[in-house]
Every structure is written in structure tokens, then in C-alpha cells.
């Protein structure tokens, strides 16, 4: 039995600056944690700041974040797309 995998996407778009953040997650837990960080920054009126210690740094001031649209999406990922992605990651 093939397990269906989903890709979770979050996009933060601003009228003045365009797409500020567009990030995809395969792990639902990571997506949920990141979404809670965005929600917390909006509700607590603080800047959205995150650094994973390696390659991913985000800092969006609250004044820009509060005027932005946050969109999320969940799409199924086919087995073919998973294999293609894995091969591409090994080639680079």
C-alpha cells in the first residue's frame, strides 16, 4: 500500500513588497510549528524572526506582517514527484 504524502505550503504576501515568504514542508509537524510561530507573531504584535542554525533565516517586522496576507495550502505529492525530487537532490 502506497502512503499518500502531502506538501504543506505557507505564503506571506504583501501589497507593497510582493511575496515575502514562500515555504513548503513535507512534515506536517514542522508546518504546524512554523504556522504557530506566524500566528504568535501576529497575535503578540512582535516581529517574526526565525533561524534554523544553518540555511534558513527569516525576519519580518510586525508592521509589515500585520499588513500582509497569509495563505496556506496542502497538496498531495505523487510517488513520481518524490522520486524526481530525491534524484535531483542527489545530483546537485
N, C-alpha and C. Protein backbone atom coordinates (compact mmCIF):
# COMPACT_ATOMS: atom_id res chain seq x y z
N UNK A 1 0.83 -1.18 0.00
CA UNK A 1 0.00 0.00 0.00
C UNK A 1 0.88 1.24 0.00
N UNK A 2 0.61 2.16 -0.91
CA UNK A 2 1.38 3.39 -1.03
C UNK A 2 0.74 4.46 -0.16
N UNK A 3 1.56 5.05 0.70
CA UNK A 3 1.08 6.10 1.58
C UNK A 3 1.13 7.43 0.84
N UNK A 4 0.03 8.18 0.88
CA UNK A 4 -0.01 9.47 0.22
C UNK A 4 0.75 10.49 1.06
N UNK A 5 1.64 11.20 0.42
CA UNK A 5 2.41 12.25 1.08
C UNK A 5 1.84 13.59 0.66
N UNK A 6 1.84 14.53 1.60
CA UNK A 6 1.33 15.86 1.30
C UNK A 6 2.45 16.88 1.43
N UNK A 7 2.33 17.93 0.65
CA UNK A 7 3.22 19.08 0.75
C UNK A 7 2.41 20.22 1.34
N UNK A 8 2.92 20.79 2.42
CA UNK A 8 2.25 21.90 3.09
C UNK A 8 3.00 23.19 2.76
N UNK A 9 2.27 24.18 2.28
CA UNK A 9 2.88 25.42 1.83
C UNK A 9 2.31 26.61 2.58
N UNK A 10 3.18 27.54 2.94
CA UNK A 10 2.75 28.81 3.52
C UNK A 10 3.33 29.93 2.68
N UNK A 11 2.49 30.90 2.36
CA UNK A 11 2.93 32.08 1.61
C UNK A 11 2.48 33.32 2.36
N UNK A 12 3.39 34.25 2.53
CA UNK A 12 3.07 35.54 3.12
C UNK A 12 3.29 36.58 2.03
N UNK A 13 2.20 37.26 1.68
CA UNK A 13 2.27 38.23 0.58
C UNK A 13 1.85 39.61 1.08
N UNK A 14 2.56 40.62 0.58
CA UNK A 14 2.32 42.00 0.96
C UNK A 14 2.07 42.82 -0.30
N UNK A 15 1.13 43.74 -0.21
CA UNK A 15 0.79 44.56 -1.38
C UNK A 15 1.99 45.36 -1.88
N UNK A 16 2.79 45.88 -0.98
CA UNK A 16 3.94 46.72 -1.36
C UNK A 16 5.16 45.89 -1.76
N UNK A 17 5.43 44.80 -1.03
CA UNK A 17 6.66 44.04 -1.22
C UNK A 17 6.49 42.74 -2.00
N UNK A 18 5.26 42.38 -2.34
CA UNK A 18 5.02 41.13 -3.07
C UNK A 18 5.10 39.93 -2.14
N UNK A 19 5.59 38.82 -2.64
CA UNK A 19 5.71 37.61 -1.82
C UNK A 19 6.92 37.75 -0.91
N UNK A 20 6.64 37.81 0.38
CA UNK A 20 7.70 37.97 1.38
C UNK A 20 8.29 36.62 1.74
N UNK A 21 7.42 35.61 1.84
CA UNK A 21 7.87 34.29 2.24
C UNK A 21 7.04 33.24 1.52
N UNK A 22 7.69 32.25 0.96
CA UNK A 22 7.01 31.11 0.36
C UNK A 22 7.82 29.88 0.75
N UNK A 23 7.27 29.08 1.63
CA UNK A 23 8.00 27.93 2.15
C UNK A 23 7.12 26.69 2.11
N UNK A 24 7.70 25.56 1.74
CA UNK A 24 6.98 24.29 1.69
C UNK A 24 7.58 23.32 2.69
N UNK A 25 6.71 22.50 3.26
CA UNK A 25 7.11 21.49 4.24
C UNK A 25 6.50 20.16 3.84
N UNK A 26 7.23 19.07 4.02
CA UNK A 26 6.68 17.74 3.81
C UNK A 26 6.19 17.19 5.15
N UNK A 27 6.84 17.62 6.22
CA UNK A 27 6.49 17.17 7.56
C UNK A 27 5.38 18.07 8.15
N UNK A 28 4.24 17.47 8.47
CA UNK A 28 3.10 18.23 8.99
C UNK A 28 3.44 18.90 10.32
N UNK A 29 4.24 18.26 11.14
CA UNK A 29 4.60 18.83 12.44
C UNK A 29 5.42 20.10 12.27
N UNK A 30 6.41 20.08 11.37
CA UNK A 30 7.21 21.27 11.11
C UNK A 30 6.34 22.41 10.58
N UNK A 31 5.40 22.06 9.69
CA UNK A 31 4.49 23.06 9.14
C UNK A 31 3.64 23.67 10.25
N UNK A 32 3.11 22.84 11.13
CA UNK A 32 2.27 23.33 12.23
C UNK A 32 3.04 24.24 13.16
N UNK A 33 4.29 23.87 13.48
CA UNK A 33 5.12 24.71 14.35
C UNK A 33 5.39 26.05 13.69
N UNK A 34 5.73 26.05 12.41
CA UNK A 34 6.01 27.30 11.71
C UNK A 34 4.75 28.17 11.64
N UNK A 35 3.60 27.55 11.38
CA UNK A 35 2.34 28.27 11.32
C UNK A 35 2.00 28.89 12.68
N UNK A 36 2.28 28.18 13.76
CA UNK A 36 2.04 28.71 15.11
C UNK A 36 2.98 29.88 15.40
N UNK A 37 4.20 29.84 14.86
CA UNK A 37 5.12 30.97 15.02
C UNK A 37 4.56 32.21 14.34
N UNK A 38 4.03 32.05 13.13
CA UNK A 38 3.45 33.18 12.40
C UNK A 38 2.23 33.71 13.16
N UNK A 39 1.37 32.81 13.61
CA UNK A 39 0.19 33.21 14.36
C UNK A 39 0.58 33.93 15.65
N UNK A 40 1.59 33.42 16.35
CA UNK A 40 2.06 34.06 17.58
C UNK A 40 2.59 35.46 17.34
N UNK A 41 3.36 35.62 16.25
CA UNK A 41 3.90 36.94 15.93
C UNK A 41 2.77 37.93 15.64
N UNK A 42 1.73 37.48 14.96
CA UNK A 42 0.60 38.37 14.66
C UNK A 42 -0.19 38.70 15.93
N UNK A 43 -0.48 37.71 16.75
CA UNK A 43 -1.29 37.93 17.96
C UNK A 43 -0.56 38.69 19.05
N UNK A 44 0.74 38.45 19.17
CA UNK A 44 1.53 39.12 20.21
C UNK A 44 2.13 40.42 19.73
N UNK A 45 1.87 40.77 18.48
CA UNK A 45 2.36 42.01 17.86
C UNK A 45 3.88 42.13 17.97
N UNK A 46 4.57 41.04 17.59
CA UNK A 46 6.03 41.03 17.58
C UNK A 46 6.51 40.71 16.17
N UNK A 47 7.80 40.96 15.93
CA UNK A 47 8.40 40.61 14.64
C UNK A 47 8.45 39.09 14.51
N UNK A 48 8.34 38.62 13.28
CA UNK A 48 8.52 37.19 13.00
C UNK A 48 9.99 36.97 12.69
N UNK A 49 10.70 36.30 13.60
CA UNK A 49 12.13 36.03 13.43
C UNK A 49 12.39 34.56 13.66
N UNK A 50 13.16 33.96 12.76
CA UNK A 50 13.47 32.55 12.86
C UNK A 50 14.77 32.27 12.13
N UNK A 51 15.62 31.47 12.76
CA UNK A 51 16.86 31.00 12.13
C UNK A 51 17.04 29.54 12.52
N UNK A 52 17.20 28.67 11.54
CA UNK A 52 17.32 27.25 11.82
C UNK A 52 18.74 26.82 12.19
N UNK A 53 19.67 27.78 12.28
CA UNK A 53 21.04 27.46 12.65
C UNK A 53 21.91 27.04 11.50
N UNK A 54 21.32 27.02 10.28
CA UNK A 54 22.10 26.55 9.13
C UNK A 54 21.87 27.42 7.90
N UNK A 55 20.69 27.32 7.29
CA UNK A 55 20.49 27.95 5.98
C UNK A 55 19.23 28.79 5.85
N UNK A 56 18.39 28.82 6.86
CA UNK A 56 17.08 29.45 6.73
C UNK A 56 16.93 30.55 7.76
N UNK A 57 16.92 31.82 7.31
CA UNK A 57 16.78 32.97 8.19
C UNK A 57 15.60 33.80 7.74
N UNK A 58 14.70 34.11 8.67
CA UNK A 58 13.52 34.93 8.37
C UNK A 58 13.43 36.02 9.42
N UNK A 59 13.22 37.25 8.98
CA UNK A 59 12.89 38.35 9.90
C UNK A 59 11.93 39.27 9.17
N UNK A 60 10.69 39.28 9.62
CA UNK A 60 9.67 40.14 9.04
C UNK A 60 9.16 41.04 10.16
N UNK A 61 9.37 42.35 10.06
CA UNK A 61 8.87 43.26 11.09
C UNK A 61 7.34 43.18 11.20
N UNK A 62 6.84 43.37 12.42
CA UNK A 62 5.40 43.26 12.66
C UNK A 62 4.61 44.26 11.82
N UNK A 63 5.12 45.45 11.62
CA UNK A 63 4.39 46.47 10.85
C UNK A 63 4.15 46.00 9.41
N UNK A 64 5.05 45.19 8.86
CA UNK A 64 4.86 44.64 7.52
C UNK A 64 3.99 43.38 7.59
N UNK A 65 4.22 42.55 8.59
CA UNK A 65 3.48 41.29 8.74
C UNK A 65 1.98 41.53 8.93
N UNK A 66 1.63 42.56 9.72
CA UNK A 66 0.21 42.81 10.01
C UNK A 66 -0.55 43.29 8.77
N UNK A 67 0.15 43.84 7.80
CA UNK A 67 -0.49 44.30 6.56
C UNK A 67 -0.38 43.28 5.43
N UNK A 68 0.01 42.07 5.77
CA UNK A 68 0.22 41.02 4.77
C UNK A 68 -0.90 39.99 4.82
N UNK A 69 -0.98 39.21 3.74
CA UNK A 69 -1.92 38.10 3.65
C UNK A 69 -1.13 36.82 3.84
N UNK A 70 -1.65 35.93 4.70
CA UNK A 70 -1.01 34.64 4.94
C UNK A 70 -1.89 33.57 4.33
N UNK A 71 -1.34 32.80 3.39
CA UNK A 71 -2.08 31.73 2.73
C UNK A 71 -1.39 30.40 3.00
N UNK A 72 -2.20 29.38 3.27
CA UNK A 72 -1.64 28.04 3.43
C UNK A 72 -2.33 27.10 2.45
N UNK A 73 -1.64 26.00 2.16
CA UNK A 73 -2.16 25.05 1.20
C UNK A 73 -1.60 23.67 1.51
N UNK A 74 -2.39 22.66 1.23
CA UNK A 74 -1.95 21.28 1.39
C UNK A 74 -2.23 20.56 0.08
N UNK A 75 -1.19 20.04 -0.57
CA UNK A 75 -1.38 19.34 -1.83
C UNK A 75 -0.74 17.96 -1.78
N UNK A 76 -1.39 16.98 -2.37
CA UNK A 76 -0.78 15.64 -2.40
C UNK A 76 0.44 15.62 -3.31
N UNK A 77 1.44 14.85 -2.92
CA UNK A 77 2.66 14.71 -3.72
C UNK A 77 2.67 13.28 -4.24
N UNK A 78 2.79 13.13 -5.56
CA UNK A 78 2.78 11.79 -6.15
C UNK A 78 4.11 11.09 -5.91
N UNK A 79 4.10 9.79 -6.05
CA UNK A 79 5.32 8.99 -5.89
C UNK A 79 6.36 9.42 -6.93
N UNK A 80 5.91 9.74 -8.14
CA UNK A 80 6.82 10.18 -9.20
C UNK A 80 7.53 11.47 -8.80
N UNK A 81 6.79 12.42 -8.21
CA UNK A 81 7.40 13.68 -7.79
C UNK A 81 8.41 13.46 -6.66
N UNK A 82 8.10 12.52 -5.75
CA UNK A 82 9.01 12.22 -4.66
C UNK A 82 10.32 11.64 -5.19
N UNK A 83 10.22 10.71 -6.16
CA UNK A 83 11.41 10.09 -6.74
C UNK A 83 12.22 11.13 -7.50
N UNK A 84 11.56 11.97 -8.29
CA UNK A 84 12.25 13.01 -9.06
C UNK A 84 12.98 13.96 -8.12
N UNK A 85 12.34 14.37 -7.05
CA UNK A 85 12.95 15.27 -6.09
C UNK A 85 14.17 14.65 -5.43
N UNK A 86 14.08 13.37 -5.08
CA UNK A 86 15.19 12.66 -4.47
C UNK A 86 16.37 12.56 -5.43
N UNK A 87 16.09 12.23 -6.69
CA UNK A 87 17.16 12.14 -7.69
C UNK A 87 17.82 13.49 -7.91
N UNK A 88 17.02 14.55 -8.01
CA UNK A 88 17.57 15.89 -8.20
C UNK A 88 18.44 16.32 -7.01
N UNK A 89 18.04 15.95 -5.80
CA UNK A 89 18.82 16.32 -4.63
C UNK A 89 20.15 15.56 -4.59
N UNK A 90 20.19 14.35 -5.14
CA UNK A 90 21.43 13.59 -5.17
C UNK A 90 22.37 14.07 -6.26
N UNK A 91 21.84 14.61 -7.33
CA UNK A 91 22.66 15.05 -8.47
C UNK A 91 23.39 16.34 -8.14
N UNK A 92 22.74 17.23 -7.41
CA UNK A 92 23.33 18.54 -7.12
C UNK A 92 24.44 18.47 -6.17
